[in-house]
Amino acid sequence: MIECMQHNQKIIPDLEIIPIPAFEDNYIWLMHNGKHAIVVDPGDAAPVFNALQRANLSLSVILITHHHPDHIDGVAALLEKYPHAKIYAPKLEQYAFEHTPVGEPDVIYVQEFDLNFTVLDVSGHTIGHIAYYAEQADSNHLLFSGDVIFGAGCGRVPEGSYAPAYQSLQKLAALPKKTKVYCTHEYTLTNIQFALTLEPNNQALVERLSQTQKLRDLGRPSLPTTIAFELATNPYLRCNSHEIQTTLRAKNLDEFKVFCMIRKLKNNY
């Protein structure tokens, strides 16, 4: 064990998770207990500073899921202001800042929150991509997933990485269905529109489109999602769908090949 000292959502008593919008469509997730804060994938320091100062919070921990600039470029500035913050990042990737390298099956204990995060290897979007999963006795499980999964979608996958990406999504699909999933991009609406081209008769998708459009019209995030919601509406987790296979003329293909077809179609959507 490694030890360290939907919108504004209370996950367990006195614990709140806030989405901090950044760039055009990123969310930097901030978890706090009224005093201490954990920040996930801070690609931009300025909005994080503002959120911490407004709530009078001290930054204790930074969790990094992968090395892309929109997930790490705010780290250096945050460390200047909060030099004692502890940083965890994928052990298979290189970083310029000091950090504790982690990978599956490491467990990070955050003392200020009395909370364990299990590290999951979820390669595909990048070779070293990880996610942070916290399981609670009251079923308030949560997952900081980076770019491995989105609302009704998944992250882009480099050629040659389709197999690990598919396996990573299958790993997430096996988590408890009530698990709240905190993705880092607001792509849900476009993803649903694409999914409906594959599965137009999926009533859960039709309803999700309406719900998501209403949220976005109000300027509200469509996230977090849940594993159950994704199993019902995410085409990358529904490669066994008869309708999807029929649309793709892929009835005789295995589910992995269907996944590859869907991902390649989305690249050009």
C-alpha atoms as a PDB file:
ATOM      1  CA  MET A   1       0.000   0.000   0.000  1.00  0.00           C
ATOM      2  CA  ILE A   2       1.250   3.475  -0.913  1.00  0.00           C
ATOM      3  CA  GLU A   3       0.447   6.014   1.796  1.00  0.00           C
ATOM      4  CA  CYS A   4       0.075   9.784   1.700  1.00  0.00           C
ATOM      5  CA  MET A   5      -1.096  12.242   4.176  1.00  0.00           C
ATOM      6  CA  GLN A   6     -22.921  15.041 -11.339  1.00  0.00           C
ATOM      7  CA  HIS A   7     -21.516  18.497 -10.797  1.00  0.00           C
ATOM      8  CA  ASN A   8     -20.946  19.224  -7.133  1.00  0.00           C
ATOM      9  CA  GLN A   9     -21.602  15.714  -5.860  1.00  0.00           C
ATOM     10  CA  LYS A  10     -21.394  14.356  -2.329  1.00  0.00           C
ATOM     11  CA  ILE A  11     -20.086  10.803  -2.655  1.00  0.00           C
ATOM     12  CA  ILE A  12     -19.631   9.982   1.019  1.00  0.00           C
ATOM     13  CA  PRO A  13     -20.478  12.232   3.980  1.00  0.00           C
ATOM     14  CA  ASP A  14     -18.425  15.457   3.974  1.00  0.00           C
ATOM     15  CA  LEU A  15     -16.790  14.542   0.659  1.00  0.00           C
ATOM     16  CA  GLU A  16     -17.585  16.510  -2.480  1.00  0.00           C
ATOM     17  CA  ILE A  17     -16.401  16.204  -6.088  1.00  0.00           C
ATOM     18  CA  ILE A  18     -16.461  19.293  -8.294  1.00  0.00           C
ATOM     19  CA  PRO A  19     -15.802  19.558 -12.045  1.00  0.00           C
ATOM     20  CA  ILE A  20     -13.499  22.430 -12.942  1.00  0.00           C
ATOM     21  CA  PRO A  21     -13.941  23.346 -16.627  1.00  0.00           C
ATOM     22  CA  ALA A  22     -10.695  23.921 -18.535  1.00  0.00           C
ATOM     23  CA  PHE A  23      -9.802  24.669 -22.150  1.00  0.00           C
ATOM     24  CA  GLU A  24     -12.669  23.917 -24.544  1.00  0.00           C
ATOM     25  CA  ASP A  25     -13.988  20.648 -23.135  1.00  0.00           C
ATOM     26  CA  ASN A  26     -11.770  19.367 -20.290  1.00  0.00           C
ATOM     27  CA  TYR A  27     -12.841  18.724 -16.726  1.00  0.00           C
ATOM     28  CA  ILE A  28     -10.308  18.818 -13.917  1.00  0.00           C
ATOM     29  CA  TRP A  29     -11.934  16.953 -11.042  1.00  0.00           C
ATOM     30  CA  LEU A  30     -11.500  18.342  -7.537  1.00  0.00           C
ATOM     31  CA  MET A  31     -12.408  16.206  -4.531  1.00  0.00           C
ATOM     32  CA  HIS A  32     -12.487  17.873  -1.125  1.00  0.00           C
ATOM     33  CA  ASN A  33     -13.646  17.395   2.449  1.00  0.00           C
ATOM     34  CA  GLY A  34     -13.953  21.064   3.339  1.00  0.00           C
ATOM     35  CA  LYS A  35     -10.264  21.411   4.176  1.00  0.00           C
ATOM     36  CA  HIS A  36      -8.082  19.220   1.955  1.00  0.00           C
ATOM     37  CA  ALA A  37      -8.313  18.660  -1.784  1.00  0.00           C
ATOM     38  CA  ILE A  38      -7.356  16.058  -4.370  1.00  0.00           C
ATOM     39  CA  VAL A  39      -7.046  17.241  -7.968  1.00  0.00           C
ATOM     40  CA  VAL A  40      -7.127  14.919 -10.978  1.00  0.00           C
ATOM     41  CA  ASP A  41      -5.317  15.711 -14.251  1.00  0.00           C
ATOM     42  CA  PRO A  42      -4.728  19.460 -13.828  1.00  0.00           C
ATOM     43  CA  GLY A  43      -3.936  20.534 -17.378  1.00  0.00           C
ATOM     44  CA  ASP A  44      -4.355  24.190 -16.415  1.00  0.00           C
ATOM     45  CA  ALA A  45      -3.413  25.652 -13.040  1.00  0.00           C
ATOM     46  CA  ALA A  46      -5.428  28.889 -13.115  1.00  0.00           C
ATOM     47  CA  PRO A  47      -8.953  27.451 -12.726  1.00  0.00           C
ATOM     48  CA  VAL A  48      -7.659  25.063 -10.043  1.00  0.00           C
ATOM     49  CA  PHE A  49      -6.162  27.969  -8.073  1.00  0.00           C
ATOM     50  CA  ASN A  50      -9.480  29.786  -8.304  1.00  0.00           C
ATOM     51  CA  ALA A  51     -11.475  26.771  -7.095  1.00  0.00           C
ATOM     52  CA  LEU A  52      -9.101  26.096  -4.194  1.00  0.00           C
ATOM     53  CA  GLN A  53      -9.067  29.723  -3.084  1.00  0.00           C
ATOM     54  CA  ARG A  54     -12.845  30.158  -3.315  1.00  0.00           C
ATOM     55  CA  ALA A  55     -13.385  27.177  -1.021  1.00  0.00           C
ATOM     56  CA  ASN A  56     -10.333  27.886   1.173  1.00  0.00           C
ATOM     57  CA  LEU A  57      -8.859  24.453   0.451  1.00  0.00           C
ATOM     58  CA  SER A  58      -5.321  23.102   0.737  1.00  0.00           C
ATOM     59  CA  LEU A  59      -4.093  20.914  -2.121  1.00  0.00           C
ATOM     60  CA  SER A  60      -2.907  17.592  -0.695  1.00  0.00           C
ATOM     61  CA  VAL A  61      -2.754  15.198  -3.657  1.00  0.00           C
ATOM     62  CA  ILE A  62      -2.539  15.324  -7.452  1.00  0.00           C
ATOM     63  CA  LEU A  63      -3.566  12.219  -9.406  1.00  0.00           C
ATOM     64  CA  ILE A  64      -2.350  11.888 -13.004  1.00  0.00           C
ATOM     65  CA  THR A  65      -3.896   9.358 -15.393  1.00  0.00           C
ATOM     66  CA  HIS A  66      -1.624   9.897 -18.410  1.00  0.00           C
ATOM     67  CA  HIS A  67       1.008  12.198 -19.854  1.00  0.00           C
ATOM     68  CA  HIS A  68      -0.900  14.302 -22.403  1.00  0.00           C
ATOM     69  CA  PRO A  69      -0.344  18.074 -21.968  1.00  0.00           C
ATOM     70  CA  ASP A  70      -4.004  18.889 -21.304  1.00  0.00           C
ATOM     71  CA  HIS A  71      -3.767  16.637 -18.244  1.00  0.00           C
ATOM     72  CA  ILE A  72      -0.431  17.735 -16.744  1.00  0.00           C
ATOM     73  CA  ASP A  73       0.530  21.247 -17.867  1.00  0.00           C
ATOM     74  CA  GLY A  74      -0.783  22.855 -14.681  1.00  0.00           C
ATOM     75  CA  VAL A  75       1.251  20.672 -12.320  1.00  0.00           C
ATOM     76  CA  ALA A  76       4.401  22.830 -12.158  1.00  0.00           C
ATOM     77  CA  ALA A  77       2.504  25.992 -11.215  1.00  0.00           C
ATOM     78  CA  LEU A  78       0.431  24.135  -8.622  1.00  0.00           C
ATOM     79  CA  LEU A  79       3.596  22.768  -7.012  1.00  0.00           C
ATOM     80  CA  GLU A  80       5.021  26.279  -6.685  1.00  0.00           C
ATOM     81  CA  LYS A  81       2.004  27.242  -4.599  1.00  0.00           C
ATOM     82  CA  TYR A  82       1.549  23.858  -2.863  1.00  0.00           C
ATOM     83  CA  PRO A  83       5.053  22.314  -2.670  1.00  0.00           C
ATOM     84  CA  HIS A  84       3.982  19.626  -0.208  1.00  0.00           C
ATOM     85  CA  ALA A  85       1.285  18.188  -2.467  1.00  0.00           C
ATOM     86  CA  LYS A  86       1.960  14.556  -3.323  1.00  0.00           C
ATOM     87  CA  ILE A  87       1.750  13.485  -6.937  1.00  0.00           C
ATOM     88  CA  TYR A  88       0.952  10.028  -8.301  1.00  0.00           C
ATOM     89  CA  ALA A  89       1.433   9.229 -11.972  1.00  0.00           C
ATOM     90  CA  PRO A  90       1.743   6.186 -14.275  1.00  0.00           C
ATOM     91  CA  LYS A  91       4.922   4.199 -13.768  1.00  0.00           C
ATOM     92  CA  LEU A  92       5.221   3.437 -17.492  1.00  0.00           C
ATOM     93  CA  GLU A  93       5.397   7.121 -18.465  1.00  0.00           C
ATOM     94  CA  GLN A  94       8.010   9.846 -17.973  1.00  0.00           C
ATOM     95  CA  TYR A  95       7.363  13.139 -16.173  1.00  0.00           C
ATOM     96  CA  ALA A  96       9.505  16.206 -15.504  1.00  0.00           C
ATOM     97  CA  PHE A  97       8.102  16.742 -11.992  1.00  0.00           C
ATOM     98  CA  GLU A  98       8.745  14.658  -8.885  1.00  0.00           C
ATOM     99  CA  HIS A  99       6.101  12.015  -8.352  1.00  0.00           C
ATOM    100  CA  THR A 100       5.391   8.555  -7.037  1.00  0.00           C
ATOM    101  CA  PRO A 101       5.104   6.134  -9.974  1.00  0.00           C
ATOM    102  CA  VAL A 102       2.161   3.758  -9.635  1.00  0.00           C
ATOM    103  CA  GLY A 103       0.457   0.982 -11.549  1.00  0.00           C
ATOM    104  CA  GLU A 104      -1.873  -1.945 -10.994  1.00  0.00           C
ATOM    105  CA  PRO A 105      -2.285  -3.361  -8.324  1.00  0.00           C
ATOM    106  CA  ASP A 106      -0.940  -0.481  -6.204  1.00  0.00           C
ATOM    107  CA  VAL A 107      -3.247   1.020  -3.593  1.00  0.00           C
ATOM    108  CA  ILE A 108      -2.892   4.667  -2.581  1.00  0.00           C
ATOM    109  CA  TYR A 109      -4.120   5.556   0.888  1.00  0.00           C
ATOM    110  CA  VAL A 110      -4.998   9.232   1.285  1.00  0.00           C
ATOM    111  CA  GLN A 111      -4.933   9.852   5.006  1.00  0.00           C
ATOM    112  CA  GLU A 112      -6.746  13.197   4.922  1.00  0.00           C
ATOM    113  CA  PHE A 113      -9.760  11.461   3.379  1.00  0.00           C
ATOM    114  CA  ASP A 114      -9.339   8.006   4.933  1.00  0.00           C
ATOM    115  CA  LEU A 115      -9.740   6.763   1.376  1.00  0.00           C
ATOM    116  CA  ASN A 116      -8.046   4.040  -0.656  1.00  0.00           C
ATOM    117  CA  PHE A 117      -7.547   4.359  -4.405  1.00  0.00           C
ATOM    118  CA  THR A 118      -6.798   1.164  -6.288  1.00  0.00           C
ATOM    119  CA  VAL A 119      -4.733   1.809  -9.405  1.00  0.00           C
ATOM    120  CA  LEU A 120      -5.994   0.134 -12.586  1.00  0.00           C
ATOM    121  CA  ASP A 121      -3.861  -0.301 -15.690  1.00  0.00           C
ATOM    122  CA  VAL A 122      -6.042   0.848 -18.590  1.00  0.00           C
ATOM    123  CA  SER A 123      -3.644   1.215 -21.500  1.00  0.00           C
ATOM    124  CA  GLY A 124      -4.774   1.954 -25.027  1.00  0.00           C
ATOM    125  CA  HIS A 125      -5.227   5.716 -25.277  1.00  0.00           C
ATOM    126  CA  THR A 126      -1.610   5.807 -24.078  1.00  0.00           C
ATOM    127  CA  ILE A 127       0.654   2.879 -23.234  1.00  0.00           C
ATOM    128  CA  GLY A 128       0.870   3.780 -19.561  1.00  0.00           C
ATOM    129  CA  HIS A 129      -2.649   5.120 -18.932  1.00  0.00           C
ATOM    130  CA  ILE A 130      -4.018   4.349 -15.463  1.00  0.00           C
ATOM    131  CA  ALA A 131      -7.271   4.994 -13.594  1.00  0.00           C
ATOM    132  CA  TYR A 132      -7.981   5.467  -9.883  1.00  0.00           C
ATOM    133  CA  TYR A 133     -10.796   3.450  -8.336  1.00  0.00           C
ATOM    134  CA  ALA A 134     -12.208   3.868  -4.824  1.00  0.00           C
ATOM    135  CA  GLU A 135     -14.666   1.297  -3.505  1.00  0.00           C
ATOM    136  CA  GLN A 136     -16.910   2.191  -0.586  1.00  0.00           C
ATOM    137  CA  ALA A 137     -18.974  -0.102   1.628  1.00  0.00           C
ATOM    138  CA  ASP A 138     -22.121   1.926   0.885  1.00  0.00           C
ATOM    139  CA  SER A 139     -21.736   1.294  -2.880  1.00  0.00           C
ATOM    140  CA  ASN A 140     -20.630   4.880  -3.505  1.00  0.00           C
ATOM    141  CA  HIS A 141     -17.777   3.631  -5.672  1.00  0.00           C
ATOM    142  CA  LEU A 142     -15.958   6.107  -7.887  1.00  0.00           C
ATOM    143  CA  LEU A 143     -13.533   6.000 -10.786  1.00  0.00           C
ATOM    144  CA  PHE A 144     -11.287   8.752 -12.099  1.00  0.00           C
ATOM    145  CA  SER A 145     -10.871   7.398 -15.594  1.00  0.00           C
ATOM    146  CA  GLY A 146      -8.908   9.990 -17.563  1.00  0.00           C
ATOM    147  CA  ASP A 147      -9.416   9.446 -21.285  1.00  0.00           C
ATOM    148  CA  VAL A 148      -9.966   5.679 -21.358  1.00  0.00           C
ATOM    149  CA  ILE A 149     -13.757   6.052 -21.367  1.00  0.00           C
ATOM    150  CA  PHE A 150     -16.114   8.961 -22.020  1.00  0.00           C
ATOM    151  CA  GLY A 151     -19.844   9.399 -21.799  1.00  0.00           C
ATOM    152  CA  ALA A 152     -21.067   7.055 -24.575  1.00  0.00           C
ATOM    153  CA  GLY A 153     -17.543   6.853 -25.964  1.00  0.00           C
ATOM    154  CA  CYS A 154     -13.855   6.180 -25.445  1.00  0.00           C
ATOM    155  CA  GLY A 155     -10.551   7.929 -26.075  1.00  0.00           C
ATOM    156  CA  ARG A 156      -8.756   7.842 -29.392  1.00  0.00           C
ATOM    157  CA  VAL A 157      -6.582   4.779 -29.838  1.00  0.00           C
ATOM    158  CA  PRO A 158      -3.276   4.768 -31.761  1.00  0.00           C
ATOM    159  CA  GLU A 159      -2.836   2.085 -34.398  1.00  0.00           C
ATOM    160  CA  GLY A 160      -1.492  -1.037 -32.763  1.00  0.00           C
ATOM    161  CA  SER A 161      -3.170  -0.314 -29.418  1.00  0.00           C
ATOM    162  CA  TYR A 162      -6.681  -1.537 -30.182  1.00  0.00           C
ATOM    163  CA  ALA A 163      -6.310  -4.791 -28.240  1.00  0.00           C
ATOM    164  CA  PRO A 164      -5.193  -3.178 -24.954  1.00  0.00           C
ATOM    165  CA  ALA A 165      -7.837  -0.454 -25.357  1.00  0.00           C
ATOM    166  CA  TYR A 166     -10.556  -3.077 -25.760  1.00  0.00           C
ATOM    167  CA  GLN A 167      -9.251  -5.044 -22.764  1.00  0.00           C
ATOM    168  CA  SER A 168      -9.167  -1.885 -20.650  1.00  0.00           C
ATOM    169  CA  LEU A 169     -12.794  -1.120 -21.435  1.00  0.00           C
ATOM    170  CA  GLN A 170     -13.763  -4.685 -20.584  1.00  0.00           C
ATOM    171  CA  LYS A 171     -12.002  -4.257 -17.242  1.00  0.00           C
ATOM    172  CA  LEU A 172     -14.061  -1.155 -16.493  1.00  0.00           C
ATOM    173  CA  ALA A 173     -17.263  -2.856 -17.642  1.00  0.00           C
ATOM    174  CA  ALA A 174     -16.724  -5.462 -14.909  1.00  0.00           C
ATOM    175  CA  LEU A 175     -16.737  -2.861 -12.112  1.00  0.00           C
ATOM    176  CA  PRO A 176     -19.850  -2.535  -9.929  1.00  0.00           C
ATOM    177  CA  LYS A 177     -22.654  -1.019 -11.980  1.00  0.00           C
ATOM    178  CA  LYS A 178     -23.291   1.834  -9.548  1.00  0.00           C
ATOM    179  CA  THR A 179     -19.704   3.068  -9.860  1.00  0.00           C
ATOM    180  CA  LYS A 180     -19.628   6.777 -10.720  1.00  0.00           C
ATOM    181  CA  VAL A 181     -17.229   7.453 -13.589  1.00  0.00           C
ATOM    182  CA  TYR A 182     -15.468  10.813 -13.734  1.00  0.00           C
ATOM    183  CA  CYS A 183     -14.271  11.274 -17.324  1.00  0.00           C
ATOM    184  CA  THR A 184     -12.135  14.239 -18.315  1.00  0.00           C
ATOM    185  CA  HIS A 185     -13.801  15.505 -21.507  1.00  0.00           C
ATOM    186  CA  GLU A 186     -17.279  16.791 -22.351  1.00  0.00           C
ATOM    187  CA  TYR A 187     -17.791  14.720 -25.485  1.00  0.00           C
ATOM    188  CA  THR A 188     -21.034  13.053 -24.446  1.00  0.00           C
ATOM    189  CA  LEU A 189     -23.436  14.744 -26.842  1.00  0.00           C
ATOM    190  CA  THR A 190     -21.387  14.051 -29.969  1.00  0.00           C
ATOM    191  CA  ASN A 191     -20.709  10.506 -28.786  1.00  0.00           C
ATOM    192  CA  ILE A 192     -24.425   9.812 -28.355  1.00  0.00           C
ATOM    193  CA  GLN A 193     -25.171  11.184 -31.804  1.00  0.00           C
ATOM    194  CA  PHE A 194     -22.565   8.840 -33.267  1.00  0.00           C
ATOM    195  CA  ALA A 195     -23.836   5.882 -31.212  1.00  0.00           C
ATOM    196  CA  LEU A 196     -27.334   6.431 -32.584  1.00  0.00           C
ATOM    197  CA  THR A 197     -26.040   5.905 -36.131  1.00  0.00           C
ATOM    198  CA  LEU A 198     -25.101   2.385 -35.014  1.00  0.00           C
ATOM    199  CA  GLU A 199     -28.029   1.610 -32.731  1.00  0.00           C
ATOM    200  CA  PRO A 200     -30.953   3.936 -33.582  1.00  0.00           C
ATOM    201  CA  ASN A 201     -33.522   1.733 -31.833  1.00  0.00           C
ATOM    202  CA  ASN A 202     -31.729   1.784 -28.471  1.00  0.00           C
ATOM    203  CA  GLN A 203     -34.301   3.596 -26.318  1.00  0.00           C
ATOM    204  CA  ALA A 204     -31.756   4.226 -23.559  1.00  0.00           C
ATOM    205  CA  LEU A 205     -29.634   6.111 -26.093  1.00  0.00           C
ATOM    206  CA  VAL A 206     -32.604   8.115 -27.336  1.00  0.00           C
ATOM    207  CA  GLU A 207     -33.459   9.130 -23.769  1.00  0.00           C
ATOM    208  CA  ARG A 208     -29.835   9.921 -22.972  1.00  0.00           C
ATOM    209  CA  LEU A 209     -29.643  12.236 -25.982  1.00  0.00           C
ATOM    210  CA  SER A 210     -32.599  14.240 -24.676  1.00  0.00           C
ATOM    211  CA  GLN A 211     -31.257  14.348 -21.117  1.00  0.00           C
ATOM    212  CA  THR A 212     -27.769  15.356 -22.215  1.00  0.00           C
ATOM    213  CA  GLN A 213     -29.039  18.068 -24.551  1.00  0.00           C
ATOM    214  CA  LYS A 214     -31.045  19.600 -21.701  1.00  0.00           C
ATOM    215  CA  LEU A 215     -27.998  19.584 -19.403  1.00  0.00           C
ATOM    216  CA  ARG A 216     -25.749  21.170 -22.012  1.00  0.00           C
ATOM    217  CA  ASP A 217     -28.364  23.794 -22.891  1.00  0.00           C
ATOM    218  CA  LEU A 218     -28.271  24.792 -19.218  1.00  0.00           C
ATOM    219  CA  GLY A 219     -24.473  24.879 -19.257  1.00  0.00           C
ATOM    220  CA  ARG A 220     -24.264  21.888 -16.922  1.00  0.00           C
ATOM    221  CA  PRO A 221     -21.866  18.931 -17.248  1.00  0.00           C
ATOM    222  CA  SER A 222     -23.173  15.617 -18.545  1.00  0.00           C
ATOM    223  CA  LEU A 223     -20.775  13.887 -16.148  1.00  0.00           C
ATOM    224  CA  PRO A 224     -20.192  11.888 -14.046  1.00  0.00           C
ATOM    225  CA  THR A 225     -21.699   8.852 -15.652  1.00  0.00           C
ATOM    226  CA  THR A 226     -22.026   5.326 -14.233  1.00  0.00           C
ATOM    227  CA  ILE A 227     -20.904   1.905 -15.378  1.00  0.00           C
ATOM    228  CA  ALA A 228     -24.565   0.874 -15.687  1.00  0.00           C
ATOM    229  CA  PHE A 229     -25.321   3.879 -17.892  1.00  0.00           C
ATOM    230  CA  GLU A 230     -22.354   3.094 -20.138  1.00  0.00           C
ATOM    231  CA  LEU A 231     -23.285  -0.574 -20.443  1.00  0.00           C
ATOM    232  CA  ALA A 232     -26.682   0.556 -21.722  1.00  0.00           C
ATOM    233  CA  THR A 233     -25.525   3.297 -24.108  1.00  0.00           C
ATOM    234  CA  ASN A 234     -21.808   3.138 -24.906  1.00  0.00           C
ATOM    235  CA  PRO A 235     -21.215   1.354 -28.241  1.00  0.00           C
ATOM    236  CA  TYR A 236     -17.686   0.328 -27.247  1.00  0.00           C
ATOM    237  CA  LEU A 237     -19.205  -1.693 -24.394  1.00  0.00           C
ATOM    238  CA  ARG A 238     -22.005  -3.017 -26.599  1.00  0.00           C
ATOM    239  CA  CYS A 239     -20.050  -4.840 -29.306  1.00  0.00           C
ATOM    240  CA  ASN A 240     -22.372  -7.829 -28.796  1.00  0.00           C
ATOM    241  CA  SER A 241     -25.445  -5.753 -29.716  1.00  0.00           C
ATOM    242  CA  HIS A 242     -27.393  -7.415 -32.514  1.00  0.00           C
ATOM    243  CA  GLU A 243     -28.398  -4.034 -33.904  1.00  0.00           C
ATOM    244  CA  ILE A 244     -24.835  -2.699 -33.940  1.00  0.00           C
ATOM    245  CA  GLN A 245     -23.551  -5.851 -35.609  1.00  0.00           C
ATOM    246  CA  THR A 246     -26.337  -5.661 -38.183  1.00  0.00           C
ATOM    247  CA  THR A 247     -25.614  -1.995 -38.912  1.00  0.00           C
ATOM    248  CA  LEU A 248     -21.936  -2.802 -39.422  1.00  0.00           C
ATOM    249  CA  ARG A 249     -22.676  -6.014 -41.338  1.00  0.00           C
ATOM    250  CA  ALA A 250     -20.483  -7.727 -38.774  1.00  0.00           C
ATOM    251  CA  LYS A 251     -22.653 -10.606 -37.551  1.00  0.00           C
ATOM    252  CA  ASN A 252     -19.900 -13.169 -38.019  1.00  0.00           C
ATOM    253  CA  LEU A 253     -17.138 -11.106 -36.423  1.00  0.00           C
ATOM    254  CA  ASP A 254     -15.974 -11.424 -32.828  1.00  0.00           C
ATOM    255  CA  GLU A 255     -16.599  -8.540 -30.435  1.00  0.00           C
ATOM    256  CA  PHE A 256     -13.031  -7.244 -30.580  1.00  0.00           C
ATOM    257  CA  LYS A 257     -13.238  -6.823 -34.344  1.00  0.00           C
ATOM    258  CA  VAL A 258     -16.558  -5.035 -33.924  1.00  0.00           C
ATOM    259  CA  PHE A 259     -14.856  -2.707 -31.436  1.00  0.00           C
ATOM    260  CA  CYS A 260     -12.133  -1.931 -33.976  1.00  0.00           C
ATOM    261  CA  MET A 261     -14.731  -1.151 -36.624  1.00  0.00           C
ATOM    262  CA  ILE A 262     -16.602   1.216 -34.303  1.00  0.00           C
ATOM    263  CA  ARG A 263     -13.450   3.042 -33.213  1.00  0.00           C
ATOM    264  CA  LYS A 264     -12.259   3.529 -36.799  1.00  0.00           C
ATOM    265  CA  LEU A 265     -15.669   4.815 -37.874  1.00  0.00           C
ATOM    266  CA  LYS A 266     -15.689   7.310 -35.005  1.00  0.00           C
ATOM    267  CA  ASN A 267     -12.249   8.595 -36.038  1.00  0.00           C
ATOM    268  CA  ASN A 268     -13.856   9.920 -39.217  1.00  0.00           C
ATOM    269  CA  TYR A 269     -17.236  10.942 -37.769  1.00  0.00           C
END
